[in-house]
Amino acid sequence: MSLSTVDGRVECEYVLPDDTDGTPIGDYLLNEDFEFRMSTLQYDRFEDVFYLHARMKRTIADSEEERSSSDTHSENLTVLGVDLNVDGYFVVTSTGTFIESADYLNHRRREFEKTRGSLQDTGTRSAHLTIQQMSDREHRWIQEVLHSAANDILREARRVDATHVAFENLTGIRDRMADARRFHAWAFRQLYEYVEYKSEAEGVAVEQVSPAYTSQRCSKCGCTLEENRPSKHKFCCQKCGYELNADYNASKNIARKLAKRLHSEQTSPSGGATYQLALTSGMLNLNGDFQASDRVSAEGESTDKPLPQRARSSDQAK
């Protein structure tokens, strides 16, 4: 293994077990059906042990890939939009699902920082060790939150049979979002990576789209104005009067952007697949045809104002 350290790159020997049958080494690393992608190294201070987490991707035979491609053109492809936020709710999907409280995450981060600052002022060796333990605890907590949010996003994608999940392009997010401090920028990228590698097992494609005007465009009539955002969390279209949660509106625009891009990339002479957006009350294709879900009436889309009571954070009630 080649590891990058503060003292430069270090080469380490990777020792394999004598008998790899039934072990992750034999099932994945030495299995020709899987391809090594990337890995992360984590250190357990209490056990003084390093753990190497290797990510593998199942390879697809040419015939299987061709068959999958053929099936793709004959089915309806559904896009689930995902909007990420620095306050309010951390994740909002185009189906009106609100996941984790960004405000609560910020609160927990500030509490960690406040305690660390107090311990640093103490300056004792015991305080220093406590700071290290706190850093480990904070890191594990953040990873747990991000994994949980990624699982919720993919759970929602499965529920609506989504074939694609759309995120905003996170490049330069700290420059674009004044409130996106270092924690948010890192957390957004980490969440995207988690959804991306978890989605491989689900057969769902994860892609990014340009963030331009997703927060200002009306997802119902297309009117794009700064005045459509009278407040941080409220969207009210100045043209058609459509009102809803601003982050939910943005998530629908994100889904639409990917659906339009995928539609324009089609090369099938027969027109290819039908691309549609997964919404809280059904599916909407690019022609504006709406199909209500079995559980919600078609009228649900005309009064589409989902409230964030569906957040899945276990700590939200505290």
C-alpha atoms as a PDB file:
ATOM      1  CA  MET A   1       0.000   0.000   0.000  1.00  0.00           C
ATOM      2  CA  SER A   2       1.056   3.566  -0.701  1.00  0.00           C
ATOM      3  CA  LEU A   3       0.000   5.990   2.047  1.00  0.00           C
ATOM      4  CA  SER A   4       0.286   9.757   2.052  1.00  0.00           C
ATOM      5  CA  THR A   5       1.492  11.122   5.414  1.00  0.00           C
ATOM      6  CA  VAL A   6       2.689  14.477   6.765  1.00  0.00           C
ATOM      7  CA  ASP A   7       6.242  13.151   6.291  1.00  0.00           C
ATOM      8  CA  GLY A   8       5.668  12.167   2.674  1.00  0.00           C
ATOM      9  CA  ARG A   9       4.432   9.011   0.969  1.00  0.00           C
ATOM     10  CA  VAL A  10       5.040   5.706   2.795  1.00  0.00           C
ATOM     11  CA  GLU A  11       4.998   2.214   1.269  1.00  0.00           C
ATOM     12  CA  CYS A  12       3.510  -0.492   3.507  1.00  0.00           C
ATOM     13  CA  GLU A  13       3.212  -4.240   2.981  1.00  0.00           C
ATOM     14  CA  TYR A  14      -0.345  -5.548   2.776  1.00  0.00           C
ATOM     15  CA  VAL A  15      -0.430  -9.021   4.328  1.00  0.00           C
ATOM     16  CA  LEU A  16      -3.039 -11.453   2.958  1.00  0.00           C
ATOM     17  CA  PRO A  17      -4.335 -14.454   4.960  1.00  0.00           C
ATOM     18  CA  ASP A  18      -3.128 -17.913   3.905  1.00  0.00           C
ATOM     19  CA  ASP A  19      -6.707 -19.039   3.302  1.00  0.00           C
ATOM     20  CA  THR A  20      -8.847 -16.300   1.722  1.00  0.00           C
ATOM     21  CA  ASP A  21     -11.986 -18.433   1.192  1.00  0.00           C
ATOM     22  CA  GLY A  22     -14.980 -16.882   2.888  1.00  0.00           C
ATOM     23  CA  THR A  23     -13.086 -13.730   3.854  1.00  0.00           C
ATOM     24  CA  PRO A  24     -13.664 -10.224   2.466  1.00  0.00           C
ATOM     25  CA  ILE A  25     -10.269 -10.569   0.787  1.00  0.00           C
ATOM     26  CA  GLY A  26     -11.385 -13.606  -1.181  1.00  0.00           C
ATOM     27  CA  ASP A  27     -14.977 -12.489  -1.725  1.00  0.00           C
ATOM     28  CA  TYR A  28     -14.132  -9.020  -2.981  1.00  0.00           C
ATOM     29  CA  LEU A  29     -10.461  -8.034  -3.328  1.00  0.00           C
ATOM     30  CA  LEU A  30      -9.329 -11.185  -5.177  1.00  0.00           C
ATOM     31  CA  ASN A  31     -12.675 -11.713  -6.928  1.00  0.00           C
ATOM     32  CA  GLU A  32     -12.594 -10.864 -10.644  1.00  0.00           C
ATOM     33  CA  ASP A  33     -16.261  -9.830 -10.440  1.00  0.00           C
ATOM     34  CA  PHE A  34     -15.285  -6.821  -8.302  1.00  0.00           C
ATOM     35  CA  GLU A  35     -13.076  -3.854  -9.099  1.00  0.00           C
ATOM     36  CA  PHE A  36     -11.115  -1.919  -6.461  1.00  0.00           C
ATOM     37  CA  ARG A  37     -12.118   1.765  -6.434  1.00  0.00           C
ATOM     38  CA  MET A  38     -10.679   3.660  -3.471  1.00  0.00           C
ATOM     39  CA  SER A  39      -9.962   3.343   0.232  1.00  0.00           C
ATOM     40  CA  THR A  40      -9.796   5.397   3.409  1.00  0.00           C
ATOM     41  CA  LEU A  41      -7.587   4.865   6.452  1.00  0.00           C
ATOM     42  CA  GLN A  42      -9.051   5.359   9.929  1.00  0.00           C
ATOM     43  CA  TYR A  43      -7.271   5.294  13.271  1.00  0.00           C
ATOM     44  CA  ASP A  44      -8.789   4.009  16.525  1.00  0.00           C
ATOM     45  CA  ARG A  45      -7.004   5.873  19.321  1.00  0.00           C
ATOM     46  CA  PHE A  46      -8.355   3.631  22.061  1.00  0.00           C
ATOM     47  CA  GLU A  47      -7.185   0.373  20.445  1.00  0.00           C
ATOM     48  CA  ASP A  48      -4.156   1.976  18.729  1.00  0.00           C
ATOM     49  CA  VAL A  49      -5.156   0.245  15.479  1.00  0.00           C
ATOM     50  CA  PHE A  50      -5.519   1.456  11.892  1.00  0.00           C
ATOM     51  CA  TYR A  51      -8.415   0.214   9.740  1.00  0.00           C
ATOM     52  CA  LEU A  52      -8.319   0.291   5.955  1.00  0.00           C
ATOM     53  CA  HIS A  53     -11.797   0.653   4.429  1.00  0.00           C
ATOM     54  CA  ALA A  54     -11.671  -0.479   0.803  1.00  0.00           C
ATOM     55  CA  ARG A  55     -14.499   0.235  -1.600  1.00  0.00           C
ATOM     56  CA  MET A  56     -15.251  -2.268  -4.349  1.00  0.00           C
ATOM     57  CA  LYS A  57     -17.487  -2.058  -7.404  1.00  0.00           C
ATOM     58  CA  ARG A  58     -19.078  -5.079  -9.050  1.00  0.00           C
ATOM     59  CA  THR A  59     -18.041  -5.311 -12.703  1.00  0.00           C
ATOM     60  CA  ILE A  60     -20.695  -5.929 -15.355  1.00  0.00           C
ATOM     61  CA  ALA A  61     -20.144  -8.243 -18.292  1.00  0.00           C
ATOM     62  CA  ASP A  62     -20.477  -6.698 -21.775  1.00  0.00           C
ATOM     63  CA  SER A  63     -23.618  -8.673 -22.577  1.00  0.00           C
ATOM     64  CA  GLU A  64     -25.169  -7.719 -19.243  1.00  0.00           C
ATOM     65  CA  GLU A  65     -24.267  -4.062 -19.794  1.00  0.00           C
ATOM     66  CA  GLU A  66     -25.767  -4.067 -23.288  1.00  0.00           C
ATOM     67  CA  ARG A  67     -28.951  -5.637 -21.961  1.00  0.00           C
ATOM     68  CA  SER A  68     -29.132  -3.044 -19.200  1.00  0.00           C
ATOM     69  CA  SER A  69     -28.619  -0.255 -21.730  1.00  0.00           C
ATOM     70  CA  SER A  70     -31.352  -1.688 -23.934  1.00  0.00           C
ATOM     71  CA  ASP A  71     -33.744  -1.896 -20.990  1.00  0.00           C
ATOM     72  CA  THR A  72     -32.932   1.720 -20.092  1.00  0.00           C
ATOM     73  CA  HIS A  73     -34.273   3.003 -23.409  1.00  0.00           C
ATOM     74  CA  SER A  74     -37.537   1.100 -23.092  1.00  0.00           C
ATOM     75  CA  GLU A  75     -38.537   2.126 -19.592  1.00  0.00           C
ATOM     76  CA  ASN A  76     -39.577   5.332 -17.896  1.00  0.00           C
ATOM     77  CA  LEU A  77     -36.578   6.871 -16.164  1.00  0.00           C
ATOM     78  CA  THR A  78     -37.347   8.757 -12.969  1.00  0.00           C
ATOM     79  CA  VAL A  79     -35.144  11.459 -11.433  1.00  0.00           C
ATOM     80  CA  LEU A  80     -35.134  12.239  -7.703  1.00  0.00           C
ATOM     81  CA  GLY A  81     -33.843  15.745  -6.980  1.00  0.00           C
ATOM     82  CA  VAL A  82     -31.808  16.486  -3.817  1.00  0.00           C
ATOM     83  CA  ASP A  83     -31.188  19.936  -2.346  1.00  0.00           C
ATOM     84  CA  LEU A  84     -28.550  20.423   0.391  1.00  0.00           C
ATOM     85  CA  ASN A  85     -28.721  23.273   2.878  1.00  0.00           C
ATOM     86  CA  VAL A  86     -26.609  25.008   5.516  1.00  0.00           C
ATOM     87  CA  ASP A  87     -29.628  25.809   7.691  1.00  0.00           C
ATOM     88  CA  GLY A  88     -33.208  24.652   8.036  1.00  0.00           C
ATOM     89  CA  TYR A  89     -33.171  21.055   6.827  1.00  0.00           C
ATOM     90  CA  PHE A  90     -29.920  19.433   5.737  1.00  0.00           C
ATOM     91  CA  VAL A  91     -31.477  17.470   2.851  1.00  0.00           C
ATOM     92  CA  VAL A  92     -34.748  18.055   0.983  1.00  0.00           C
ATOM     93  CA  THR A  93     -35.856  15.791  -1.879  1.00  0.00           C
ATOM     94  CA  SER A  94     -38.183  16.470  -4.794  1.00  0.00           C
ATOM     95  CA  THR A  95     -40.671  14.075  -3.196  1.00  0.00           C
ATOM     96  CA  GLY A  96     -41.079  16.400  -0.215  1.00  0.00           C
ATOM     97  CA  THR A  97     -38.951  14.410   2.219  1.00  0.00           C
ATOM     98  CA  PHE A  98     -37.045  16.501   4.786  1.00  0.00           C
ATOM     99  CA  ILE A  99     -33.977  14.738   6.209  1.00  0.00           C
ATOM    100  CA  GLU A 100     -31.961  15.831   9.259  1.00  0.00           C
ATOM    101  CA  SER A 101     -31.920  19.315  10.749  1.00  0.00           C
ATOM    102  CA  ALA A 102     -29.005  21.451   9.573  1.00  0.00           C
ATOM    103  CA  ASP A 103     -29.723  23.809  12.471  1.00  0.00           C
ATOM    104  CA  TYR A 104     -29.282  20.961  14.928  1.00  0.00           C
ATOM    105  CA  LEU A 105     -26.044  19.857  13.230  1.00  0.00           C
ATOM    106  CA  ASN A 106     -24.743  23.416  13.544  1.00  0.00           C
ATOM    107  CA  HIS A 107     -25.739  23.483  17.213  1.00  0.00           C
ATOM    108  CA  ARG A 108     -23.897  20.234  17.945  1.00  0.00           C
ATOM    109  CA  ARG A 109     -20.801  21.503  16.123  1.00  0.00           C
ATOM    110  CA  ARG A 110     -20.809  24.730  18.142  1.00  0.00           C
ATOM    111  CA  GLU A 111     -21.130  22.740  21.379  1.00  0.00           C
ATOM    112  CA  PHE A 112     -18.091  20.631  20.429  1.00  0.00           C
ATOM    113  CA  GLU A 113     -16.111  23.762  19.546  1.00  0.00           C
ATOM    114  CA  LYS A 114     -17.091  25.489  22.796  1.00  0.00           C
ATOM    115  CA  THR A 115     -16.008  22.499  24.901  1.00  0.00           C
ATOM    116  CA  ARG A 116     -12.731  22.164  22.983  1.00  0.00           C
ATOM    117  CA  GLY A 117     -11.984  25.852  23.543  1.00  0.00           C
ATOM    118  CA  SER A 118     -12.573  25.498  27.281  1.00  0.00           C
ATOM    119  CA  LEU A 119     -10.285  22.456  27.480  1.00  0.00           C
ATOM    120  CA  GLN A 120      -7.556  24.200  25.459  1.00  0.00           C
ATOM    121  CA  ASP A 121      -7.608  27.067  27.942  1.00  0.00           C
ATOM    122  CA  THR A 122      -7.007  24.525  30.729  1.00  0.00           C
ATOM    123  CA  GLY A 123      -3.826  23.354  29.007  1.00  0.00           C
ATOM    124  CA  THR A 124      -3.287  20.170  31.043  1.00  0.00           C
ATOM    125  CA  ARG A 125      -2.305  16.795  29.589  1.00  0.00           C
ATOM    126  CA  SER A 126      -5.618  15.352  30.749  1.00  0.00           C
ATOM    127  CA  ALA A 127      -7.457  18.124  28.888  1.00  0.00           C
ATOM    128  CA  HIS A 128      -5.410  17.397  25.761  1.00  0.00           C
ATOM    129  CA  LEU A 129      -6.336  13.702  25.875  1.00  0.00           C
ATOM    130  CA  THR A 130      -9.979  14.634  26.386  1.00  0.00           C
ATOM    131  CA  ILE A 131      -9.820  16.880  23.292  1.00  0.00           C
ATOM    132  CA  GLN A 132      -8.522  13.926  21.241  1.00  0.00           C
ATOM    133  CA  GLN A 133     -11.329  11.713  22.519  1.00  0.00           C
ATOM    134  CA  MET A 134     -13.872  14.423  21.695  1.00  0.00           C
ATOM    135  CA  SER A 135     -12.505  14.752  18.159  1.00  0.00           C
ATOM    136  CA  ASP A 136     -12.948  11.014  17.654  1.00  0.00           C
ATOM    137  CA  ARG A 137     -16.461  11.152  19.066  1.00  0.00           C
ATOM    138  CA  GLU A 138     -17.380  14.121  16.867  1.00  0.00           C
ATOM    139  CA  HIS A 139     -15.974  12.431  13.768  1.00  0.00           C
ATOM    140  CA  ARG A 140     -17.954   9.246  14.440  1.00  0.00           C
ATOM    141  CA  TRP A 141     -21.119  11.267  15.039  1.00  0.00           C
ATOM    142  CA  ILE A 142     -20.757  13.186  11.762  1.00  0.00           C
ATOM    143  CA  GLN A 143     -20.068   9.997   9.807  1.00  0.00           C
ATOM    144  CA  GLU A 144     -23.152   8.388  11.346  1.00  0.00           C
ATOM    145  CA  VAL A 145     -25.314  11.386  10.387  1.00  0.00           C
ATOM    146  CA  LEU A 146     -24.021  11.398   6.801  1.00  0.00           C
ATOM    147  CA  HIS A 147     -24.445   7.639   6.379  1.00  0.00           C
ATOM    148  CA  SER A 148     -27.981   7.878   7.778  1.00  0.00           C
ATOM    149  CA  ALA A 149     -28.860  10.750   5.420  1.00  0.00           C
ATOM    150  CA  ALA A 150     -27.406   8.855   2.441  1.00  0.00           C
ATOM    151  CA  ASN A 151     -29.458   5.787   3.351  1.00  0.00           C
ATOM    152  CA  ASP A 152     -32.605   7.928   3.647  1.00  0.00           C
ATOM    153  CA  ILE A 153     -32.012   9.425   0.195  1.00  0.00           C
ATOM    154  CA  LEU A 154     -31.591   5.994  -1.389  1.00  0.00           C
ATOM    155  CA  ARG A 155     -34.566   4.644   0.562  1.00  0.00           C
ATOM    156  CA  GLU A 156     -36.672   7.407  -0.958  1.00  0.00           C
ATOM    157  CA  ALA A 157     -35.216   6.641  -4.403  1.00  0.00           C
ATOM    158  CA  ARG A 158     -36.273   2.998  -4.014  1.00  0.00           C
ATOM    159  CA  ARG A 159     -39.737   4.001  -2.856  1.00  0.00           C
ATOM    160  CA  VAL A 160     -40.449   5.949  -6.046  1.00  0.00           C
ATOM    161  CA  ASP A 161     -38.448   3.586  -8.310  1.00  0.00           C
ATOM    162  CA  ALA A 162     -36.027   6.384  -9.203  1.00  0.00           C
ATOM    163  CA  THR A 163     -33.350   5.502 -11.741  1.00  0.00           C
ATOM    164  CA  HIS A 164     -31.331   8.697 -11.156  1.00  0.00           C
ATOM    165  CA  VAL A 165     -30.549  10.937  -8.179  1.00  0.00           C
ATOM    166  CA  ALA A 166     -29.645  14.543  -8.978  1.00  0.00           C
ATOM    167  CA  PHE A 167     -27.439  16.794  -6.836  1.00  0.00           C
ATOM    168  CA  GLU A 168     -26.208  20.312  -7.471  1.00  0.00           C
ATOM    169  CA  ASN A 169     -22.603  20.545  -8.640  1.00  0.00           C
ATOM    170  CA  LEU A 170     -20.632  21.110  -5.430  1.00  0.00           C
ATOM    171  CA  THR A 171     -17.581  22.666  -7.108  1.00  0.00           C
ATOM    172  CA  GLY A 172     -16.799  26.037  -5.544  1.00  0.00           C
ATOM    173  CA  ILE A 173     -19.660  25.766  -3.068  1.00  0.00           C
ATOM    174  CA  ARG A 174     -17.822  27.789  -0.402  1.00  0.00           C
ATOM    175  CA  ASP A 175     -17.568  30.707  -2.826  1.00  0.00           C
ATOM    176  CA  ARG A 176     -21.208  30.403  -3.955  1.00  0.00           C
ATOM    177  CA  MET A 177     -22.794  30.042  -0.513  1.00  0.00           C
ATOM    178  CA  ALA A 178     -21.795  32.668   2.023  1.00  0.00           C
ATOM    179  CA  ASP A 179     -22.901  30.472   4.930  1.00  0.00           C
ATOM    180  CA  ALA A 180     -21.172  27.326   3.649  1.00  0.00           C
ATOM    181  CA  ARG A 181     -18.273  27.274   6.043  1.00  0.00           C
ATOM    182  CA  ARG A 182     -15.667  24.539   5.931  1.00  0.00           C
ATOM    183  CA  PHE A 183     -17.871  22.016   7.761  1.00  0.00           C
ATOM    184  CA  HIS A 184     -20.748  22.328   5.323  1.00  0.00           C
ATOM    185  CA  ALA A 185     -18.573  22.154   2.215  1.00  0.00           C
ATOM    186  CA  TRP A 186     -16.860  19.015   3.511  1.00  0.00           C
ATOM    187  CA  ALA A 187     -20.117  17.430   4.706  1.00  0.00           C
ATOM    188  CA  PHE A 188     -21.871  18.075   1.380  1.00  0.00           C
ATOM    189  CA  ARG A 189     -19.088  16.413  -0.598  1.00  0.00           C
ATOM    190  CA  GLN A 190     -18.914  13.486   1.829  1.00  0.00           C
ATOM    191  CA  LEU A 191     -22.677  12.937   1.623  1.00  0.00           C
ATOM    192  CA  TYR A 192     -22.566  13.003  -2.175  1.00  0.00           C
ATOM    193  CA  GLU A 193     -19.753  10.433  -2.186  1.00  0.00           C
ATOM    194  CA  TYR A 194     -21.663   8.180   0.223  1.00  0.00           C
ATOM    195  CA  VAL A 195     -24.798   8.281  -1.923  1.00  0.00           C
ATOM    196  CA  GLU A 196     -22.691   7.710  -5.035  1.00  0.00           C
ATOM    197  CA  TYR A 197     -20.962   4.554  -3.834  1.00  0.00           C
ATOM    198  CA  LYS A 198     -24.018   3.184  -1.992  1.00  0.00           C
ATOM    199  CA  SER A 199     -26.116   3.662  -5.143  1.00  0.00           C
ATOM    200  CA  GLU A 200     -23.938   1.236  -7.115  1.00  0.00           C
ATOM    201  CA  ALA A 201     -25.515  -1.687  -5.266  1.00  0.00           C
ATOM    202  CA  GLU A 202     -28.973  -0.201  -5.892  1.00  0.00           C
ATOM    203  CA  GLY A 203     -28.488   0.229  -9.639  1.00  0.00           C
ATOM    204  CA  VAL A 204     -29.211   3.970  -9.339  1.00  0.00           C
ATOM    205  CA  ALA A 205     -27.168   6.598 -11.183  1.00  0.00           C
ATOM    206  CA  VAL A 206     -26.053   9.682  -9.226  1.00  0.00           C
ATOM    207  CA  GLU A 207     -25.210  12.834 -11.172  1.00  0.00           C
ATOM    208  CA  GLN A 208     -24.662  16.545 -10.637  1.00  0.00           C
ATOM    209  CA  VAL A 209     -26.224  19.527 -12.397  1.00  0.00           C
ATOM    210  CA  SER A 210     -25.485  23.238 -12.520  1.00  0.00           C
ATOM    211  CA  PRO A 211     -26.854  25.096  -9.476  1.00  0.00           C
ATOM    212  CA  ALA A 212     -27.683  28.219 -11.507  1.00  0.00           C
ATOM    213  CA  TYR A 213     -31.114  29.684 -10.642  1.00  0.00           C
ATOM    214  CA  THR A 214     -32.418  26.512  -8.948  1.00  0.00           C
ATOM    215  CA  SER A 215     -33.444  28.623  -5.945  1.00  0.00           C
ATOM    216  CA  GLN A 216     -35.071  31.413  -7.999  1.00  0.00           C
ATOM    217  CA  ARG A 217     -36.982  29.430 -10.640  1.00  0.00           C
ATOM    218  CA  CYS A 218     -40.612  28.506 -10.074  1.00  0.00           C
ATOM    219  CA  SER A 219     -40.867  24.741 -10.432  1.00  0.00           C
ATOM    220  CA  LYS A 220     -44.461  25.118 -11.639  1.00  0.00           C
ATOM    221  CA  CYS A 221     -44.437  27.850 -14.308  1.00  0.00           C
ATOM    222  CA  GLY A 222     -40.701  28.438 -14.856  1.00  0.00           C
ATOM    223  CA  CYS A 223     -40.653  32.129 -13.884  1.00  0.00           C
ATOM    224  CA  THR A 224     -37.152  32.993 -12.631  1.00  0.00           C
ATOM    225  CA  LEU A 225     -36.815  36.058 -10.408  1.00  0.00           C
ATOM    226  CA  GLU A 226     -34.879  36.983  -7.284  1.00  0.00           C
ATOM    227  CA  GLU A 227     -38.136  38.351  -5.892  1.00  0.00           C
ATOM    228  CA  ASN A 228     -39.553  34.803  -5.864  1.00  0.00           C
ATOM    229  CA  ARG A 229     -37.657  34.296  -2.588  1.00  0.00           C
ATOM    230  CA  PRO A 230     -39.288  36.689  -0.082  1.00  0.00           C
ATOM    231  CA  SER A 231     -37.497  34.874   2.768  1.00  0.00           C
ATOM    232  CA  LYS A 232     -34.849  32.227   3.256  1.00  0.00           C
ATOM    233  CA  HIS A 233     -37.234  29.274   3.508  1.00  0.00           C
ATOM    234  CA  LYS A 234     -40.273  30.506   1.588  1.00  0.00           C
ATOM    235  CA  PHE A 235     -40.809  30.536  -2.185  1.00  0.00           C
ATOM    236  CA  CYS A 236     -43.629  32.565  -3.740  1.00  0.00           C
ATOM    237  CA  CYS A 237     -43.757  32.918  -7.531  1.00  0.00           C
ATOM    238  CA  GLN A 238     -44.418  36.511  -8.571  1.00  0.00           C
ATOM    239  CA  LYS A 239     -46.052  35.341 -11.812  1.00  0.00           C
ATOM    240  CA  CYS A 240     -48.373  32.446 -10.928  1.00  0.00           C
ATOM    241  CA  GLY A 241     -48.549  32.804  -7.135  1.00  0.00           C
ATOM    242  CA  TYR A 242     -47.238  29.279  -6.452  1.00  0.00           C
ATOM    243  CA  GLU A 243     -46.130  29.010  -2.790  1.00  0.00           C
ATOM    244  CA  LEU A 244     -44.109  26.260  -1.157  1.00  0.00           C
ATOM    245  CA  ASN A 245     -41.007  25.533   0.881  1.00  0.00           C
ATOM    246  CA  ALA A 246     -38.035  27.130  -0.914  1.00  0.00           C
ATOM    247  CA  ASP A 247     -35.741  24.121  -0.518  1.00  0.00           C
ATOM    248  CA  TYR A 248     -38.418  21.771  -1.836  1.00  0.00           C
ATOM    249  CA  ASN A 249     -38.893  24.044  -4.845  1.00  0.00           C
ATOM    250  CA  ALA A 250     -35.132  23.970  -5.485  1.00  0.00           C
ATOM    251  CA  SER A 251     -35.015  20.161  -5.292  1.00  0.00           C
ATOM    252  CA  LYS A 252     -37.689  19.923  -8.008  1.00  0.00           C
ATOM    253  CA  ASN A 253     -35.688  22.279 -10.235  1.00  0.00           C
ATOM    254  CA  ILE A 254     -32.575  20.157  -9.668  1.00  0.00           C
ATOM    255  CA  ALA A 255     -34.461  17.023 -10.743  1.00  0.00           C
ATOM    256  CA  ARG A 256     -35.825  18.783 -13.823  1.00  0.00           C
ATOM    257  CA  LYS A 257     -32.355  19.965 -14.881  1.00  0.00           C
ATOM    258  CA  LEU A 258     -30.990  16.427 -14.902  1.00  0.00           C
ATOM    259  CA  ALA A 259     -34.082  15.047 -16.661  1.00  0.00           C
ATOM    260  CA  LYS A 260     -33.729  17.661 -19.425  1.00  0.00           C
ATOM    261  CA  ARG A 261     -30.013  16.985 -19.820  1.00  0.00           C
ATOM    262  CA  LEU A 262     -30.502  13.229 -20.029  1.00  0.00           C
ATOM    263  CA  HIS A 263     -33.332  13.703 -22.527  1.00  0.00           C
ATOM    264  CA  SER A 264     -31.146  15.895 -24.755  1.00  0.00           C
ATOM    265  CA  GLU A 265     -28.380  13.268 -24.708  1.00  0.00           C
ATOM    266  CA  GLN A 266     -30.636  10.511 -26.069  1.00  0.00           C
ATOM    267  CA  THR A 267     -29.538   9.060 -29.403  1.00  0.00           C
ATOM    268  CA  SER A 268     -32.285   6.464 -29.882  1.00  0.00           C
ATOM    269  CA  PRO A 269     -34.135   6.991 -33.220  1.00  0.00           C
ATOM    270  CA  SER A 270     -37.395   6.025 -31.534  1.00  0.00           C
ATOM    271  CA  GLY A 271     -37.090   8.816 -28.996  1.00  0.00           C
ATOM    272  CA  GLY A 272     -35.672   6.691 -26.179  1.00  0.00           C
ATOM    273  CA  ALA A 273     -36.988   6.637 -22.653  1.00  0.00           C
ATOM    274  CA  THR A 274     -39.474   8.979 -21.019  1.00  0.00           C
ATOM    275  CA  TYR A 275     -37.821  11.081 -18.340  1.00  0.00           C
ATOM    276  CA  GLN A 276     -39.940  12.152 -15.390  1.00  0.00           C
ATOM    277  CA  LEU A 277     -39.533  13.902 -12.057  1.00  0.00           C
ATOM    278  CA  ALA A 278     -40.369  12.213  -8.768  1.00  0.00           C
ATOM    279  CA  LEU A 279     -42.636  14.566  -6.814  1.00  0.00           C
ATOM    280  CA  THR A 280     -44.451  14.297  -3.514  1.00  0.00           C
ATOM    281  CA  SER A 281     -47.757  13.440  -5.185  1.00  0.00           C
ATOM    282  CA  GLY A 282     -46.679  11.533  -8.298  1.00  0.00           C
ATOM    283  CA  MET A 283     -44.580  11.849 -11.453  1.00  0.00           C
ATOM    284  CA  LEU A 284     -44.238  14.771 -13.888  1.00  0.00           C
ATOM    285  CA  ASN A 285     -42.666  14.333 -17.324  1.00  0.00           C
ATOM    286  CA  LEU A 286     -40.902  17.019 -19.354  1.00  0.00           C
ATOM    287  CA  ASN A 287     -44.037  17.657 -21.413  1.00  0.00           C
ATOM    288  CA  GLY A 288     -45.905  18.737 -18.293  1.00  0.00           C
ATOM    289  CA  ASP A 289     -48.042  15.589 -18.068  1.00  0.00           C
ATOM    290  CA  PHE A 290     -48.675  14.725 -14.423  1.00  0.00           C
ATOM    291  CA  GLN A 291     -49.432  11.238 -13.130  1.00  0.00           C
ATOM    292  CA  ALA A 292     -50.657  11.045  -9.554  1.00  0.00           C
ATOM    293  CA  SER A 293     -49.314   8.380  -7.256  1.00  0.00           C
ATOM    294  CA  ASP A 294     -51.598   5.644  -5.980  1.00  0.00           C
ATOM    295  CA  ARG A 295     -51.585   7.110  -2.479  1.00  0.00           C
ATOM    296  CA  VAL A 296     -52.103  10.801  -3.307  1.00  0.00           C
ATOM    297  CA  SER A 297     -54.763  12.394  -5.461  1.00  0.00           C
ATOM    298  CA  ALA A 298     -53.891  14.473  -8.517  1.00  0.00           C
ATOM    299  CA  GLU A 299     -55.135  17.588  -6.709  1.00  0.00           C
ATOM    300  CA  GLY A 300     -52.194  17.209  -4.331  1.00  0.00           C
ATOM    301  CA  GLU A 301     -49.823  18.742  -6.857  1.00  0.00           C
ATOM    302  CA  SER A 302     -51.826  21.943  -7.226  1.00  0.00           C
ATOM    303  CA  THR A 303     -51.487  22.647  -3.494  1.00  0.00           C
ATOM    304  CA  ASP A 304     -47.987  21.277  -3.193  1.00  0.00           C
ATOM    305  CA  LYS A 305     -46.788  22.852   0.078  1.00  0.00           C
ATOM    306  CA  PRO A 306     -45.008  20.078   1.987  1.00  0.00           C
ATOM    307  CA  LEU A 307     -44.081  21.049   5.510  1.00  0.00           C
ATOM    308  CA  PRO A 308     -40.896  19.753   7.142  1.00  0.00           C
ATOM    309  CA  GLN A 309     -42.608  17.574   9.725  1.00  0.00           C
ATOM    310  CA  ARG A 310     -41.320  14.442   7.967  1.00  0.00           C
ATOM    311  CA  ALA A 311     -37.718  14.945   9.048  1.00  0.00           C
ATOM    312  CA  ARG A 312     -36.136  11.661  10.044  1.00  0.00           C
ATOM    313  CA  SER A 313     -33.561  12.869  12.533  1.00  0.00           C
ATOM    314  CA  SER A 314     -33.946  10.937  15.765  1.00  0.00           C
ATOM    315  CA  ASP A 315     -32.635  13.967  17.658  1.00  0.00           C
ATOM    316  CA  GLN A 316     -35.007  16.482  16.070  1.00  0.00           C
ATOM    317  CA  ALA A 317     -37.553  16.294  18.868  1.00  0.00           C
ATOM    318  CA  LYS A 318     -34.978  17.209  21.491  1.00  0.00           C
END
